[in-house]
Every structure is written in structure tokens, then in C-alpha cells.
Amino acid sequence: MIMEKPMPSTFKQLLKEIAGEKAPGPAATFSVFHIYHAMELMAEKPIGRSKLASRLNVGEGAVRTIIGRLKHAGLIITSRSGCKLTGKGLKLRREFAAIFQKKAEIGNNELTSARYNIAFLVKDRGHKVKSGLEQRDAAVMAGAKGATTIVSQEGRFVIASVSNDVKRDFPRAASQILRLLAPEDNDVIIIASADTAIKAEHGAFAAAWTFLNDC
């Protein structure tokens, strides 16, 4: 019988440990993003290996490794119906869902630059935003064409060095953000654009990941 490893103190540490890398950028087979997305899918309902590979856009070998590592960490169980999260896995999922609180597909607007556009709402991290370049670079490294970082600040949406009132300067984008994400004060919205949906989501996740403290 394989003994479970002790769980690291934060979900960022754990996801990094399972993925075997230091950041959610491109990897030979899979990255932190794929671990996160796999758990997200399993939280909805049990999912089989083939469907998981298709949804994650990785090979069967990578999916077997992902499943094996999540199972070894005590985060999932497998059965004929597929893979699903354990109580420990659901608890971890709730932890990062409290920070990566909302996700939405955004239509074309003044701030998007490709066919597919995914927005992440990162809860209460506005004070961590500097120029937004770190988030853009992380998104591009993960396969996106670009990313915009927007802060909800005292009733306004702000993009550093670009706009101190997105509602005025980019009304279509602001309308979509309000309708789909409903951010509160000090929340961050990341919009990543890419040629495929999975790359846009990977880019948004990578940008959002920069707001999590290393421990």
C-alpha cells in the first residue's frame, strides 16, 4: 500500500509539487495549469481518462501521470465512472476557488486581441498589481497572445498606465466584465487572448498565478 505524502501548507505548494515544476508555463507534457484544470473538471462530476485527456489537450501518458500523482496525494479516487475528488481534494478545490473566484469566456471587445478570450477574477489582489507586465508576460509564456490586467478600484476599473476609467475608455469591455464577473473593490480581472480556448484559459491562469504568494 502506498502511503500518502503529508500535504504542503498551501495549495500553490501542492500543485507545484504534483506538477514537478516552479511555474505554470509550458512544459514537455503538462503543467500546474493542467493539474488545476483537471481538479476543476473532476469537481463538476466524475470524468474518464480519455475525456480528461481531450479536455486538457494532453496525451494519454500525461493524463495517466496526472491521475497517478493526484491519487497518490489523496486528492482523487478512481472508479468505473471515472475520477472524482476526495474530501481532501474538494477542500483544496474550495481553497483556490476562493481566490480564483470566477472564470468566464469574454466576447470580442476593445481589450481583446484574438478569437478566444478568457477572464479570471482574482479575489482581493488589486494591491499586488504593479504595471501589469508581469501578468502579460506570464500569459504569453503559457501560450496566450496577450493579457490585460484590470483592477476594480473605488467604483472604477483601472489598467495601469493605460486607463484610470475603463468604463469610459473601453465601455464594451467594462460592460462584459460587470455582467459576467461582477468584481468588487480590490479584485483583479485578467483577460487573456489566444487562438484556442485552452491556450486562452492557460494564459489567464498563468497570469492569475502570479498573485499567489510563495511560501
C-alpha atoms as a PDB file:
ATOM      1  CA  MET A   1       0.000   0.000   0.000  1.00  0.00           C
ATOM      2  CA  ILE A   2       1.316   3.459  -0.977  1.00  0.00           C
ATOM      3  CA  MET A   3       1.268   5.930   1.881  1.00  0.00           C
ATOM      4  CA  GLU A   4       0.029   9.428   1.168  1.00  0.00           C
ATOM      5  CA  LYS A   5       2.556  12.229   1.449  1.00  0.00           C
ATOM      6  CA  PRO A   6       1.928  14.945   4.029  1.00  0.00           C
ATOM      7  CA  MET A   7       0.057  17.801   2.398  1.00  0.00           C
ATOM      8  CA  PRO A   8       2.023  21.048   1.905  1.00  0.00           C
ATOM      9  CA  SER A   9       0.652  24.060   3.741  1.00  0.00           C
ATOM     10  CA  THR A  10      -0.707  25.865   0.669  1.00  0.00           C
ATOM     11  CA  PHE A  11      -2.428  24.738  -2.489  1.00  0.00           C
ATOM     12  CA  LYS A  12       0.215  26.570  -4.539  1.00  0.00           C
ATOM     13  CA  GLN A  13       2.939  24.439  -2.990  1.00  0.00           C
ATOM     14  CA  LEU A  14       0.926  21.283  -3.552  1.00  0.00           C
ATOM     15  CA  LEU A  15       0.112  21.990  -7.199  1.00  0.00           C
ATOM     16  CA  LYS A  16       3.758  22.835  -7.871  1.00  0.00           C
ATOM     17  CA  GLU A  17       4.851  19.630  -6.158  1.00  0.00           C
ATOM     18  CA  ILE A  18       2.410  17.483  -8.139  1.00  0.00           C
ATOM     19  CA  ALA A  19       3.351  19.126 -11.437  1.00  0.00           C
ATOM     20  CA  GLY A  20       7.058  18.942 -10.618  1.00  0.00           C
ATOM     21  CA  GLU A  21       7.761  22.482 -11.781  1.00  0.00           C
ATOM     22  CA  LYS A  22       8.038  26.039 -10.459  1.00  0.00           C
ATOM     23  CA  ALA A  23       5.607  27.920 -12.695  1.00  0.00           C
ATOM     24  CA  PRO A  24       2.529  27.315 -14.872  1.00  0.00           C
ATOM     25  CA  GLY A  25       4.316  27.914 -18.169  1.00  0.00           C
ATOM     26  CA  PRO A  26       4.888  25.423 -20.988  1.00  0.00           C
ATOM     27  CA  ALA A  27       6.268  22.005 -20.036  1.00  0.00           C
ATOM     28  CA  ALA A  28       7.172  18.904 -22.011  1.00  0.00           C
ATOM     29  CA  THR A  29       3.929  17.164 -21.081  1.00  0.00           C
ATOM     30  CA  PHE A  30       1.841  19.080 -18.552  1.00  0.00           C
ATOM     31  CA  SER A  31       1.999  21.979 -16.120  1.00  0.00           C
ATOM     32  CA  VAL A  32       0.461  23.329 -12.928  1.00  0.00           C
ATOM     33  CA  PHE A  33      -2.410  24.589 -15.069  1.00  0.00           C
ATOM     34  CA  HIS A  34      -3.299  21.056 -16.143  1.00  0.00           C
ATOM     35  CA  ILE A  35      -3.363  19.878 -12.524  1.00  0.00           C
ATOM     36  CA  TYR A  36      -5.622  22.789 -11.594  1.00  0.00           C
ATOM     37  CA  HIS A  37      -7.897  22.263 -14.606  1.00  0.00           C
ATOM     38  CA  ALA A  38      -8.120  18.508 -14.014  1.00  0.00           C
ATOM     39  CA  MET A  39      -9.296  19.108 -10.440  1.00  0.00           C
ATOM     40  CA  GLU A  40     -11.741  21.721 -11.688  1.00  0.00           C
ATOM     41  CA  LEU A  41     -13.254  19.207 -14.119  1.00  0.00           C
ATOM     42  CA  MET A  42     -13.380  16.443 -11.508  1.00  0.00           C
ATOM     43  CA  ALA A  43     -15.169  18.771  -9.092  1.00  0.00           C
ATOM     44  CA  GLU A  44     -18.072  19.019 -11.560  1.00  0.00           C
ATOM     45  CA  LYS A  45     -18.612  15.250 -11.978  1.00  0.00           C
ATOM     46  CA  PRO A  46     -16.562  12.050 -12.409  1.00  0.00           C
ATOM     47  CA  ILE A  47     -14.585  12.108 -15.647  1.00  0.00           C
ATOM     48  CA  GLY A  48     -12.862   9.299 -17.520  1.00  0.00           C
ATOM     49  CA  ARG A  49      -9.258   9.277 -18.648  1.00  0.00           C
ATOM     50  CA  SER A  50      -9.913   9.720 -22.379  1.00  0.00           C
ATOM     51  CA  LYS A  51     -12.305  12.615 -21.888  1.00  0.00           C
ATOM     52  CA  LEU A  52      -9.901  14.206 -19.417  1.00  0.00           C
ATOM     53  CA  ALA A  53      -7.078  13.992 -21.964  1.00  0.00           C
ATOM     54  CA  SER A  54      -9.290  15.657 -24.556  1.00  0.00           C
ATOM     55  CA  ARG A  55     -10.415  18.451 -22.236  1.00  0.00           C
ATOM     56  CA  LEU A  56      -6.851  19.125 -21.066  1.00  0.00           C
ATOM     57  CA  ASN A  57      -5.430  18.794 -24.586  1.00  0.00           C
ATOM     58  CA  VAL A  58      -2.661  16.429 -23.450  1.00  0.00           C
ATOM     59  CA  GLY A  59      -1.720  12.861 -24.322  1.00  0.00           C
ATOM     60  CA  GLU A  60      -2.829   9.669 -22.602  1.00  0.00           C
ATOM     61  CA  GLY A  61       0.569   9.268 -20.966  1.00  0.00           C
ATOM     62  CA  ALA A  62       0.389  12.726 -19.394  1.00  0.00           C
ATOM     63  CA  VAL A  63      -3.139  12.062 -18.140  1.00  0.00           C
ATOM     64  CA  ARG A  64      -2.051   8.784 -16.546  1.00  0.00           C
ATOM     65  CA  THR A  65       0.721  10.661 -14.732  1.00  0.00           C
ATOM     66  CA  ILE A  66      -1.637  13.446 -13.612  1.00  0.00           C
ATOM     67  CA  ILE A  67      -4.161  10.922 -12.295  1.00  0.00           C
ATOM     68  CA  GLY A  68      -1.454   8.907 -10.570  1.00  0.00           C
ATOM     69  CA  ARG A  69       0.006  11.945  -8.811  1.00  0.00           C
ATOM     70  CA  LEU A  70      -3.384  13.279  -7.717  1.00  0.00           C
ATOM     71  CA  LYS A  71      -4.337   9.844  -6.421  1.00  0.00           C
ATOM     72  CA  HIS A  72      -1.009   9.485  -4.592  1.00  0.00           C
ATOM     73  CA  ALA A  73      -1.643  12.866  -2.929  1.00  0.00           C
ATOM     74  CA  GLY A  74      -5.021  11.610  -1.721  1.00  0.00           C
ATOM     75  CA  LEU A  75      -6.922  14.207  -3.765  1.00  0.00           C
ATOM     76  CA  ILE A  76      -8.874  11.885  -6.076  1.00  0.00           C
ATOM     77  CA  ILE A  77     -10.286   8.385  -6.286  1.00  0.00           C
ATOM     78  CA  THR A  78     -10.885   6.398  -9.450  1.00  0.00           C
ATOM     79  CA  SER A  79     -13.717   4.036 -10.335  1.00  0.00           C
ATOM     80  CA  ARG A  80     -15.565   2.768 -13.407  1.00  0.00           C
ATOM     81  CA  SER A  81     -17.442   6.070 -13.552  1.00  0.00           C
ATOM     82  CA  GLY A  82     -14.155   7.987 -13.764  1.00  0.00           C
ATOM     83  CA  CYS A  83     -12.029  10.182 -11.500  1.00  0.00           C
ATOM     84  CA  LYS A  84     -13.525  12.337  -8.777  1.00  0.00           C
ATOM     85  CA  LEU A  85     -12.228  14.437  -5.921  1.00  0.00           C
ATOM     86  CA  THR A  86     -11.950  13.100  -2.394  1.00  0.00           C
ATOM     87  CA  GLY A  87     -12.922  15.166   0.637  1.00  0.00           C
ATOM     88  CA  LYS A  88      -9.341  16.415   0.787  1.00  0.00           C
ATOM     89  CA  GLY A  89      -9.460  17.254  -2.919  1.00  0.00           C
ATOM     90  CA  LEU A  90     -12.726  19.150  -2.538  1.00  0.00           C
ATOM     91  CA  LYS A  91     -11.270  21.131   0.358  1.00  0.00           C
ATOM     92  CA  LEU A  92      -8.255  22.089  -1.750  1.00  0.00           C
ATOM     93  CA  ARG A  93     -10.520  22.990  -4.652  1.00  0.00           C
ATOM     94  CA  ARG A  94     -12.526  25.299  -2.368  1.00  0.00           C
ATOM     95  CA  GLU A  95      -9.288  26.976  -1.245  1.00  0.00           C
ATOM     96  CA  PHE A  96      -8.211  28.037  -4.702  1.00  0.00           C
ATOM     97  CA  ALA A  97     -11.800  28.736  -5.811  1.00  0.00           C
ATOM     98  CA  ALA A  98     -11.955  31.313  -3.008  1.00  0.00           C
ATOM     99  CA  ILE A  99      -9.121  33.214  -4.732  1.00  0.00           C
ATOM    100  CA  PHE A 100      -9.651  32.321  -8.408  1.00  0.00           C
ATOM    101  CA  GLN A 101     -13.292  33.065  -7.762  1.00  0.00           C
ATOM    102  CA  LYS A 102     -14.825  33.374 -11.219  1.00  0.00           C
ATOM    103  CA  LYS A 103     -13.975  32.476 -14.792  1.00  0.00           C
ATOM    104  CA  ALA A 104     -15.795  33.455 -17.962  1.00  0.00           C
ATOM    105  CA  GLU A 105     -15.435  33.437 -21.716  1.00  0.00           C
ATOM    106  CA  ILE A 106     -15.382  37.058 -22.834  1.00  0.00           C
ATOM    107  CA  GLY A 107     -16.564  38.175 -26.253  1.00  0.00           C
ATOM    108  CA  ASN A 108     -14.534  40.398 -28.520  1.00  0.00           C
ATOM    109  CA  ASN A 109     -14.074  43.901 -27.146  1.00  0.00           C
ATOM    110  CA  GLU A 110     -11.625  46.805 -27.189  1.00  0.00           C
ATOM    111  CA  LEU A 111      -9.140  44.917 -24.985  1.00  0.00           C
ATOM    112  CA  THR A 112      -9.075  41.517 -26.697  1.00  0.00           C
ATOM    113  CA  SER A 113      -6.606  40.515 -29.395  1.00  0.00           C
ATOM    114  CA  ALA A 114      -7.554  37.019 -30.597  1.00  0.00           C
ATOM    115  CA  ARG A 115     -10.504  34.743 -31.280  1.00  0.00           C
ATOM    116  CA  TYR A 116     -10.723  33.215 -27.798  1.00  0.00           C
ATOM    117  CA  ASN A 117     -10.725  35.333 -24.662  1.00  0.00           C
ATOM    118  CA  ILE A 118     -10.920  34.033 -21.097  1.00  0.00           C
ATOM    119  CA  ALA A 119     -11.249  36.197 -17.994  1.00  0.00           C
ATOM    120  CA  PHE A 120     -10.289  35.209 -14.454  1.00  0.00           C
ATOM    121  CA  LEU A 121     -11.416  37.133 -11.406  1.00  0.00           C
ATOM    122  CA  VAL A 122      -8.737  37.040  -8.711  1.00  0.00           C
ATOM    123  CA  LYS A 123     -10.204  37.965  -5.350  1.00  0.00           C
ATOM    124  CA  ASP A 124      -8.797  40.870  -3.329  1.00  0.00           C
ATOM    125  CA  ARG A 125      -5.392  41.101  -5.031  1.00  0.00           C
ATOM    126  CA  GLY A 126      -5.596  44.582  -6.552  1.00  0.00           C
ATOM    127  CA  HIS A 127      -2.911  45.926  -4.227  1.00  0.00           C
ATOM    128  CA  LYS A 128      -0.452  43.431  -5.765  1.00  0.00           C
ATOM    129  CA  VAL A 129      -0.748  44.859  -9.279  1.00  0.00           C
ATOM    130  CA  LYS A 130       2.205  46.953 -10.407  1.00  0.00           C
ATOM    131  CA  SER A 131       2.437  47.603 -14.136  1.00  0.00           C
ATOM    132  CA  GLY A 132       0.587  44.507 -15.323  1.00  0.00           C
ATOM    133  CA  LEU A 133       3.623  43.480 -17.386  1.00  0.00           C
ATOM    134  CA  GLU A 134       4.381  40.502 -15.136  1.00  0.00           C
ATOM    135  CA  GLN A 135       0.899  39.123 -15.767  1.00  0.00           C
ATOM    136  CA  ARG A 136       1.084  39.753 -19.508  1.00  0.00           C
ATOM    137  CA  ASP A 137       4.470  38.030 -19.760  1.00  0.00           C
ATOM    138  CA  ALA A 138       3.237  35.032 -17.758  1.00  0.00           C
ATOM    139  CA  ALA A 139       0.224  34.678 -20.038  1.00  0.00           C
ATOM    140  CA  VAL A 140       2.360  34.867 -23.193  1.00  0.00           C
ATOM    141  CA  MET A 141       4.787  32.265 -21.833  1.00  0.00           C
ATOM    142  CA  ALA A 142       1.797  29.986 -21.280  1.00  0.00           C
ATOM    143  CA  GLY A 143       0.682  30.290 -24.912  1.00  0.00           C
ATOM    144  CA  ALA A 144      -1.622  33.315 -24.981  1.00  0.00           C
ATOM    145  CA  LYS A 145      -1.167  36.173 -27.428  1.00  0.00           C
ATOM    146  CA  GLY A 146      -1.548  38.721 -24.662  1.00  0.00           C
ATOM    147  CA  ALA A 147      -3.308  39.606 -21.423  1.00  0.00           C
ATOM    148  CA  THR A 148      -4.769  42.689 -19.783  1.00  0.00           C
ATOM    149  CA  THR A 149      -4.811  43.221 -16.019  1.00  0.00           C
ATOM    150  CA  ILE A 150      -7.669  45.314 -14.663  1.00  0.00           C
ATOM    151  CA  VAL A 151      -8.181  46.391 -11.051  1.00  0.00           C
ATOM    152  CA  SER A 152     -11.547  47.217  -9.511  1.00  0.00           C
ATOM    153  CA  GLN A 153     -10.775  50.324  -7.503  1.00  0.00           C
ATOM    154  CA  GLU A 154     -13.268  52.533  -5.666  1.00  0.00           C
ATOM    155  CA  GLY A 155     -16.042  52.019  -8.191  1.00  0.00           C
ATOM    156  CA  ARG A 156     -13.761  52.263 -11.231  1.00  0.00           C
ATOM    157  CA  PHE A 157     -11.883  49.771 -13.380  1.00  0.00           C
ATOM    158  CA  VAL A 158      -8.231  50.721 -13.799  1.00  0.00           C
ATOM    159  CA  ILE A 159      -5.481  49.484 -16.146  1.00  0.00           C
ATOM    160  CA  ALA A 160      -2.045  50.684 -15.019  1.00  0.00           C
ATOM    161  CA  SER A 161      -0.528  53.247 -17.423  1.00  0.00           C
ATOM    162  CA  VAL A 162      -3.462  52.794 -19.842  1.00  0.00           C
ATOM    163  CA  SER A 163      -6.740  53.889 -18.301  1.00  0.00           C
ATOM    164  CA  ASN A 164      -7.970  55.120 -14.950  1.00  0.00           C
ATOM    165  CA  ASP A 165     -11.576  54.587 -16.066  1.00  0.00           C
ATOM    166  CA  VAL A 166     -12.174  51.526 -18.236  1.00  0.00           C
ATOM    167  CA  LYS A 167     -15.928  52.142 -18.197  1.00  0.00           C
ATOM    168  CA  ARG A 168     -15.306  55.433 -20.005  1.00  0.00           C
ATOM    169  CA  ASP A 169     -12.442  54.384 -22.297  1.00  0.00           C
ATOM    170  CA  PHE A 170     -13.437  50.789 -23.097  1.00  0.00           C
ATOM    171  CA  PRO A 171     -17.198  50.617 -22.496  1.00  0.00           C
ATOM    172  CA  ARG A 172     -17.838  47.272 -24.219  1.00  0.00           C
ATOM    173  CA  ALA A 173     -15.140  45.536 -22.164  1.00  0.00           C
ATOM    174  CA  ALA A 174     -16.389  47.147 -18.956  1.00  0.00           C
ATOM    175  CA  SER A 175     -19.952  46.036 -19.677  1.00  0.00           C
ATOM    176  CA  GLN A 176     -18.854  42.413 -20.195  1.00  0.00           C
ATOM    177  CA  ILE A 177     -16.764  42.442 -17.005  1.00  0.00           C
ATOM    178  CA  LEU A 178     -19.653  43.795 -14.935  1.00  0.00           C
ATOM    179  CA  ARG A 179     -22.163  41.340 -16.377  1.00  0.00           C
ATOM    180  CA  LEU A 180     -20.040  38.198 -16.266  1.00  0.00           C
ATOM    181  CA  LEU A 181     -17.758  38.725 -13.270  1.00  0.00           C
ATOM    182  CA  ALA A 182     -19.305  41.439 -11.055  1.00  0.00           C
ATOM    183  CA  PRO A 183     -15.983  42.365  -9.388  1.00  0.00           C
ATOM    184  CA  GLU A 184     -15.812  44.057  -6.006  1.00  0.00           C
ATOM    185  CA  ASP A 185     -13.309  46.598  -4.723  1.00  0.00           C
ATOM    186  CA  ASN A 186      -9.654  45.428  -4.923  1.00  0.00           C
ATOM    187  CA  ASP A 187     -10.495  42.446  -7.154  1.00  0.00           C
ATOM    188  CA  VAL A 188      -8.328  41.813 -10.232  1.00  0.00           C
ATOM    189  CA  ILE A 189      -9.640  40.795 -13.631  1.00  0.00           C
ATOM    190  CA  ILE A 190      -7.249  39.105 -16.051  1.00  0.00           C
ATOM    191  CA  ILE A 191      -8.329  38.845 -19.693  1.00  0.00           C
ATOM    192  CA  ALA A 192      -6.126  36.580 -21.802  1.00  0.00           C
ATOM    193  CA  SER A 193      -6.494  36.147 -25.552  1.00  0.00           C
ATOM    194  CA  ALA A 194      -5.321  33.237 -27.719  1.00  0.00           C
ATOM    195  CA  ASP A 195      -6.033  31.280 -30.890  1.00  0.00           C
ATOM    196  CA  THR A 196      -7.548  28.378 -28.923  1.00  0.00           C
ATOM    197  CA  ALA A 197      -9.777  28.290 -25.846  1.00  0.00           C
ATOM    198  CA  ILE A 198      -7.369  26.108 -23.858  1.00  0.00           C
ATOM    199  CA  LYS A 199      -4.445  28.481 -24.535  1.00  0.00           C
ATOM    200  CA  ALA A 200      -6.547  31.483 -23.506  1.00  0.00           C
ATOM    201  CA  GLU A 201      -7.520  29.754 -20.279  1.00  0.00           C
ATOM    202  CA  HIS A 202      -3.932  28.628 -19.664  1.00  0.00           C
ATOM    203  CA  GLY A 203      -2.747  32.206 -20.183  1.00  0.00           C
ATOM    204  CA  ALA A 204      -5.338  33.669 -17.825  1.00  0.00           C
ATOM    205  CA  PHE A 205      -4.450  31.084 -15.192  1.00  0.00           C
ATOM    206  CA  ALA A 206      -0.715  31.751 -15.544  1.00  0.00           C
ATOM    207  CA  ALA A 207      -1.284  35.484 -15.129  1.00  0.00           C
ATOM    208  CA  ALA A 208      -3.539  34.943 -12.106  1.00  0.00           C
ATOM    209  CA  TRP A 209      -0.963  32.568 -10.602  1.00  0.00           C
ATOM    210  CA  THR A 210       1.479  35.457 -10.223  1.00  0.00           C
ATOM    211  CA  PHE A 211      -0.707  36.882  -7.451  1.00  0.00           C
ATOM    212  CA  LEU A 212      -0.247  33.876  -5.163  1.00  0.00           C
ATOM    213  CA  ASN A 213       2.484  34.226  -2.584  1.00  0.00           C
ATOM    214  CA  ASP A 214       5.251  31.646  -2.482  1.00  0.00           C
ATOM    215  CA  CYS A 215       5.658  30.058   0.901  1.00  0.00           C
END
